[in-house]
Amino acid sequence: MKESYCGLCDQCQLGSPDFQAAVAKIKTYVDQLPAFWQQQCLQEGQEVSLVEFRRGLDWFLGLAQCPGCKDAGGLKRCDIRSCAEKRQQSRCYICPDHDSCRHLVFV
């Protein structure tokens, strides 16, 4: 089970076999699109970069084995992890400064 200080890794779906299968299926469909489909199917201004989209799918597929930040996964420079380790807190919610923590604003 993936574990983190903030709780984000605990609920992460990246390693879920169902999620990985869905991403792989989407990648298969995208790879089957003819090269000219955008010119024929999308109106001006609706273009998308299939190269970037494929890169995003590969990114998801590459993270299937992330162990969570408590086991060396996640971002190398995570302010939340650094703070929790410095304060010797096993979880952010037990920290006395949790309610006013600037690191947890986006969580």
N, C-alpha and C. Protein backbone atom coordinates (compact mmCIF):
# COMPACT_ATOMS: atom_id res chain seq x y z
N MET A 1 0.84 -1.19 0.00
CA MET A 1 0.00 0.00 0.00
C MET A 1 0.88 1.25 0.00
N LYS A 2 0.53 2.19 -0.84
CA LYS A 2 1.27 3.45 -0.90
C LYS A 2 0.92 4.28 0.33
N GLU A 3 1.93 4.92 0.87
CA GLU A 3 1.70 5.78 2.04
C GLU A 3 2.40 7.11 1.85
N SER A 4 1.78 8.14 2.40
CA SER A 4 2.35 9.48 2.35
C SER A 4 2.08 10.20 3.66
N TYR A 5 2.70 11.36 3.80
CA TYR A 5 2.48 12.18 4.99
C TYR A 5 1.16 12.95 4.89
N CYS A 6 0.85 13.41 3.67
CA CYS A 6 -0.34 14.26 3.49
C CYS A 6 -1.61 13.46 3.18
N GLY A 7 -1.47 12.24 2.71
CA GLY A 7 -2.63 11.42 2.39
C GLY A 7 -2.89 11.26 0.90
N LEU A 8 -2.23 12.04 0.05
CA LEU A 8 -2.46 11.95 -1.39
C LEU A 8 -2.06 10.58 -1.95
N CYS A 9 -0.93 10.06 -1.55
CA CYS A 9 -0.47 8.77 -2.08
C CYS A 9 -1.38 7.63 -1.64
N ASP A 10 -1.99 7.77 -0.48
CA ASP A 10 -2.84 6.71 0.05
C ASP A 10 -4.02 6.41 -0.88
N GLN A 11 -4.52 7.42 -1.57
CA GLN A 11 -5.67 7.27 -2.45
C GLN A 11 -5.30 7.22 -3.93
N CYS A 12 -4.02 7.17 -4.23
CA CYS A 12 -3.54 7.22 -5.61
C CYS A 12 -3.99 5.98 -6.40
N GLN A 13 -4.47 6.21 -7.61
CA GLN A 13 -4.95 5.14 -8.47
C GLN A 13 -3.91 4.68 -9.49
N LEU A 14 -2.74 5.29 -9.50
CA LEU A 14 -1.75 4.97 -10.54
C LEU A 14 -1.37 3.50 -10.58
N GLY A 15 -1.31 2.84 -9.47
CA GLY A 15 -0.94 1.44 -9.45
C GLY A 15 -2.10 0.47 -9.59
N SER A 16 -3.30 0.99 -9.65
CA SER A 16 -4.48 0.15 -9.76
C SER A 16 -4.49 -0.57 -11.11
N PRO A 17 -4.65 -1.88 -11.11
CA PRO A 17 -4.70 -2.62 -12.39
C PRO A 17 -5.80 -2.11 -13.31
N ASP A 18 -6.95 -1.73 -12.77
CA ASP A 18 -8.04 -1.22 -13.59
C ASP A 18 -7.66 0.10 -14.26
N PHE A 19 -7.02 0.99 -13.50
CA PHE A 19 -6.59 2.28 -14.04
C PHE A 19 -5.55 2.07 -15.13
N GLN A 20 -4.57 1.23 -14.84
CA GLN A 20 -3.50 0.96 -15.81
C GLN A 20 -4.07 0.35 -17.09
N ALA A 21 -5.03 -0.55 -16.96
CA ALA A 21 -5.65 -1.18 -18.14
C ALA A 21 -6.42 -0.14 -18.96
N ALA A 22 -7.11 0.77 -18.28
CA ALA A 22 -7.86 1.82 -18.98
C ALA A 22 -6.93 2.74 -19.76
N VAL A 23 -5.82 3.15 -19.13
CA VAL A 23 -4.86 4.02 -19.81
C VAL A 23 -4.24 3.29 -21.01
N ALA A 24 -3.89 2.04 -20.84
CA ALA A 24 -3.32 1.25 -21.94
C ALA A 24 -4.32 1.13 -23.09
N LYS A 25 -5.59 0.95 -22.77
CA LYS A 25 -6.63 0.83 -23.80
C LYS A 25 -6.77 2.15 -24.57
N ILE A 26 -6.78 3.26 -23.85
CA ILE A 26 -6.86 4.57 -24.50
C ILE A 26 -5.66 4.76 -25.42
N LYS A 27 -4.48 4.38 -24.95
CA LYS A 27 -3.28 4.53 -25.78
C LYS A 27 -3.41 3.70 -27.07
N THR A 28 -3.97 2.51 -26.97
CA THR A 28 -4.19 1.67 -28.15
C THR A 28 -5.10 2.38 -29.14
N TYR A 29 -6.20 2.96 -28.65
CA TYR A 29 -7.12 3.68 -29.52
C TYR A 29 -6.44 4.87 -30.20
N VAL A 30 -5.69 5.65 -29.42
CA VAL A 30 -5.01 6.82 -29.96
C VAL A 30 -4.00 6.41 -31.03
N ASP A 31 -3.29 5.32 -30.79
CA ASP A 31 -2.30 4.85 -31.76
C ASP A 31 -2.94 4.39 -33.06
N GLN A 32 -4.21 4.05 -33.03
CA GLN A 32 -4.91 3.59 -34.23
C GLN A 32 -5.53 4.73 -35.05
N LEU A 33 -5.52 5.94 -34.51
CA LEU A 33 -6.09 7.06 -35.25
C LEU A 33 -5.27 7.35 -36.49
N PRO A 34 -5.91 7.57 -37.62
CA PRO A 34 -5.15 7.93 -38.81
C PRO A 34 -4.51 9.31 -38.64
N ALA A 35 -3.39 9.50 -39.27
CA ALA A 35 -2.63 10.74 -39.11
C ALA A 35 -3.42 11.98 -39.51
N PHE A 36 -4.32 11.87 -40.44
CA PHE A 36 -5.05 13.04 -40.95
C PHE A 36 -6.36 13.33 -40.22
N TRP A 37 -6.69 12.59 -39.17
CA TRP A 37 -8.00 12.73 -38.53
C TRP A 37 -8.28 14.13 -38.03
N GLN A 38 -7.25 14.81 -37.51
CA GLN A 38 -7.48 16.15 -36.97
C GLN A 38 -7.92 17.13 -38.06
N GLN A 39 -7.31 17.01 -39.24
CA GLN A 39 -7.65 17.92 -40.33
C GLN A 39 -9.09 17.70 -40.79
N GLN A 40 -9.56 16.50 -40.74
CA GLN A 40 -10.89 16.16 -41.23
C GLN A 40 -11.98 16.27 -40.17
N CYS A 41 -11.64 16.08 -38.91
CA CYS A 41 -12.66 15.93 -37.87
C CYS A 41 -12.80 17.12 -36.93
N LEU A 42 -11.77 17.92 -36.76
CA LEU A 42 -11.82 19.01 -35.78
C LEU A 42 -11.91 20.36 -36.47
N GLN A 43 -12.70 21.24 -35.91
CA GLN A 43 -12.79 22.59 -36.43
C GLN A 43 -11.58 23.38 -35.97
N GLU A 44 -11.34 24.48 -36.63
CA GLU A 44 -10.19 25.31 -36.30
C GLU A 44 -10.25 25.73 -34.83
N GLY A 45 -9.13 25.63 -34.15
CA GLY A 45 -9.04 25.98 -32.74
C GLY A 45 -9.27 24.80 -31.80
N GLN A 46 -9.66 23.67 -32.34
CA GLN A 46 -9.90 22.48 -31.51
C GLN A 46 -8.75 21.48 -31.58
N GLU A 47 -7.68 21.83 -32.25
CA GLU A 47 -6.58 20.90 -32.43
C GLU A 47 -5.99 20.47 -31.09
N VAL A 48 -5.52 19.24 -31.04
CA VAL A 48 -4.83 18.71 -29.86
C VAL A 48 -3.52 18.08 -30.33
N SER A 49 -2.57 18.06 -29.45
CA SER A 49 -1.29 17.43 -29.77
C SER A 49 -1.33 15.97 -29.35
N LEU A 50 -1.41 15.08 -30.33
CA LEU A 50 -1.40 13.66 -30.00
C LEU A 50 -0.05 13.24 -29.43
N VAL A 51 1.01 13.91 -29.83
CA VAL A 51 2.33 13.61 -29.29
C VAL A 51 2.34 13.88 -27.78
N GLU A 52 1.82 15.03 -27.38
CA GLU A 52 1.76 15.37 -25.96
C GLU A 52 0.79 14.47 -25.20
N PHE A 53 -0.33 14.15 -25.84
CA PHE A 53 -1.31 13.27 -25.21
C PHE A 53 -0.71 11.89 -24.97
N ARG A 54 -0.01 11.35 -25.98
CA ARG A 54 0.66 10.05 -25.82
C ARG A 54 1.72 10.12 -24.72
N ARG A 55 2.43 11.23 -24.68
CA ARG A 55 3.45 11.41 -23.64
C ARG A 55 2.80 11.37 -22.25
N GLY A 56 1.64 11.97 -22.11
CA GLY A 56 0.91 11.93 -20.85
C GLY A 56 0.47 10.52 -20.49
N LEU A 57 0.00 9.78 -21.47
CA LEU A 57 -0.39 8.39 -21.23
C LEU A 57 0.81 7.55 -20.80
N ASP A 58 1.94 7.75 -21.46
CA ASP A 58 3.16 7.03 -21.08
C ASP A 58 3.59 7.39 -19.66
N TRP A 59 3.39 8.65 -19.28
CA TRP A 59 3.73 9.09 -17.93
C TRP A 59 2.89 8.31 -16.91
N PHE A 60 1.58 8.21 -17.15
CA PHE A 60 0.72 7.43 -16.25
C PHE A 60 1.17 5.97 -16.19
N LEU A 61 1.44 5.39 -17.34
CA LEU A 61 1.84 3.98 -17.37
C LEU A 61 3.18 3.76 -16.66
N GLY A 62 4.06 4.75 -16.70
CA GLY A 62 5.37 4.63 -16.07
C GLY A 62 5.35 4.75 -14.56
N LEU A 63 4.26 5.26 -14.01
CA LEU A 63 4.18 5.47 -12.56
C LEU A 63 3.45 4.35 -11.84
N ALA A 64 3.18 3.28 -12.51
CA ALA A 64 2.41 2.18 -11.91
C ALA A 64 3.08 1.61 -10.67
N GLN A 65 4.37 1.68 -10.60
CA GLN A 65 5.09 1.06 -9.49
C GLN A 65 5.55 2.06 -8.43
N CYS A 66 5.02 3.27 -8.43
CA CYS A 66 5.39 4.27 -7.42
C CYS A 66 4.98 3.77 -6.04
N PRO A 67 5.91 3.70 -5.09
CA PRO A 67 5.60 3.17 -3.77
C PRO A 67 4.99 4.18 -2.79
N GLY A 68 4.86 5.44 -3.20
CA GLY A 68 4.40 6.48 -2.29
C GLY A 68 5.59 7.19 -1.67
N CYS A 69 5.38 8.37 -1.19
CA CYS A 69 6.51 9.20 -0.75
C CYS A 69 7.19 8.69 0.52
N LYS A 70 6.50 7.92 1.34
CA LYS A 70 7.14 7.39 2.54
C LYS A 70 8.12 6.26 2.21
N ASP A 71 8.06 5.77 0.99
CA ASP A 71 8.95 4.69 0.58
C ASP A 71 9.75 5.10 -0.66
N ALA A 72 10.19 6.36 -0.68
CA ALA A 72 11.07 6.92 -1.71
C ALA A 72 10.39 7.20 -3.04
N GLY A 73 9.06 7.20 -3.09
CA GLY A 73 8.36 7.56 -4.33
C GLY A 73 7.99 9.03 -4.29
N GLY A 74 7.16 9.44 -5.21
CA GLY A 74 6.71 10.82 -5.24
C GLY A 74 7.78 11.78 -5.72
N LEU A 75 7.53 13.06 -5.52
CA LEU A 75 8.46 14.10 -5.94
C LEU A 75 9.73 14.07 -5.11
N LYS A 76 10.85 14.33 -5.75
CA LYS A 76 12.12 14.35 -5.02
C LYS A 76 12.16 15.51 -4.03
N ARG A 77 11.58 16.65 -4.45
CA ARG A 77 11.59 17.83 -3.58
C ARG A 77 10.16 18.17 -3.19
N CYS A 78 9.61 17.47 -2.25
CA CYS A 78 8.25 17.72 -1.78
C CYS A 78 8.32 18.48 -0.46
N ASP A 79 7.76 19.68 -0.44
CA ASP A 79 7.77 20.50 0.78
C ASP A 79 7.01 19.83 1.92
N ILE A 80 5.95 19.11 1.57
CA ILE A 80 5.16 18.43 2.60
C ILE A 80 6.00 17.33 3.26
N ARG A 81 6.64 16.50 2.46
CA ARG A 81 7.48 15.43 3.00
C ARG A 81 8.63 16.00 3.81
N SER A 82 9.29 17.03 3.28
CA SER A 82 10.42 17.64 4.00
C SER A 82 9.98 18.17 5.36
N CYS A 83 8.85 18.84 5.39
CA CYS A 83 8.33 19.41 6.63
C CYS A 83 8.01 18.30 7.64
N ALA A 84 7.30 17.27 7.19
CA ALA A 84 6.90 16.18 8.09
C ALA A 84 8.12 15.45 8.65
N GLU A 85 9.11 15.22 7.80
CA GLU A 85 10.33 14.55 8.27
C GLU A 85 11.09 15.42 9.26
N LYS A 86 11.17 16.71 8.96
CA LYS A 86 11.88 17.64 9.85
C LYS A 86 11.19 17.72 11.21
N ARG A 87 9.87 17.70 11.22
CA ARG A 87 9.10 17.79 12.46
C ARG A 87 8.87 16.41 13.09
N GLN A 88 9.35 15.38 12.44
CA GLN A 88 9.20 14.00 12.89
C GLN A 88 7.72 13.62 13.10
N GLN A 89 6.91 13.98 12.10
CA GLN A 89 5.48 13.67 12.13
C GLN A 89 5.22 12.52 11.15
N SER A 90 4.50 11.50 11.57
CA SER A 90 4.19 10.38 10.69
C SER A 90 3.07 10.73 9.71
N ARG A 91 2.21 11.66 10.07
CA ARG A 91 1.12 12.13 9.22
C ARG A 91 0.91 13.62 9.48
N CYS A 92 0.57 14.34 8.46
CA CYS A 92 0.35 15.79 8.61
C CYS A 92 -0.78 16.13 9.57
N TYR A 93 -1.83 15.34 9.55
CA TYR A 93 -2.99 15.69 10.37
C TYR A 93 -2.72 15.64 11.87
N ILE A 94 -1.64 15.02 12.31
CA ILE A 94 -1.34 15.03 13.75
C ILE A 94 -0.43 16.18 14.16
N CYS A 95 0.05 16.93 13.18
CA CYS A 95 0.91 18.09 13.46
C CYS A 95 0.08 19.20 14.09
N PRO A 96 0.59 19.85 15.12
CA PRO A 96 -0.16 20.93 15.77
C PRO A 96 -0.44 22.12 14.84
N ASP A 97 0.34 22.27 13.77
CA ASP A 97 0.15 23.38 12.84
C ASP A 97 -0.63 22.98 11.58
N HIS A 98 -1.26 21.83 11.62
CA HIS A 98 -1.96 21.30 10.44
C HIS A 98 -2.98 22.28 9.85
N ASP A 99 -3.82 22.86 10.67
CA ASP A 99 -4.90 23.73 10.18
C ASP A 99 -4.41 24.98 9.47
N SER A 100 -3.22 25.45 9.81
CA SER A 100 -2.70 26.66 9.19
C SER A 100 -1.49 26.40 8.30
N CYS A 101 -1.24 25.15 7.95
CA CYS A 101 -0.05 24.79 7.18
C CYS A 101 -0.12 25.31 5.75
N ARG A 102 0.90 26.04 5.34
CA ARG A 102 0.95 26.58 3.97
C ARG A 102 1.27 25.49 2.94
N HIS A 103 1.84 24.40 3.37
CA HIS A 103 2.17 23.31 2.45
C HIS A 103 0.93 22.53 2.00
N LEU A 104 -0.12 22.57 2.79
CA LEU A 104 -1.31 21.77 2.51
C LEU A 104 -2.42 22.55 1.83
N VAL A 105 -2.15 23.75 1.37
CA VAL A 105 -3.16 24.59 0.76
C VAL A 105 -3.84 23.89 -0.42
N PHE A 106 -3.09 23.22 -1.27
CA PHE A 106 -3.64 22.58 -2.46
C PHE A 106 -4.28 21.24 -2.18
N VAL A 107 -4.01 20.63 -1.03
CA VAL A 107 -4.54 19.30 -0.72
C VAL A 107 -5.92 19.44 -0.33
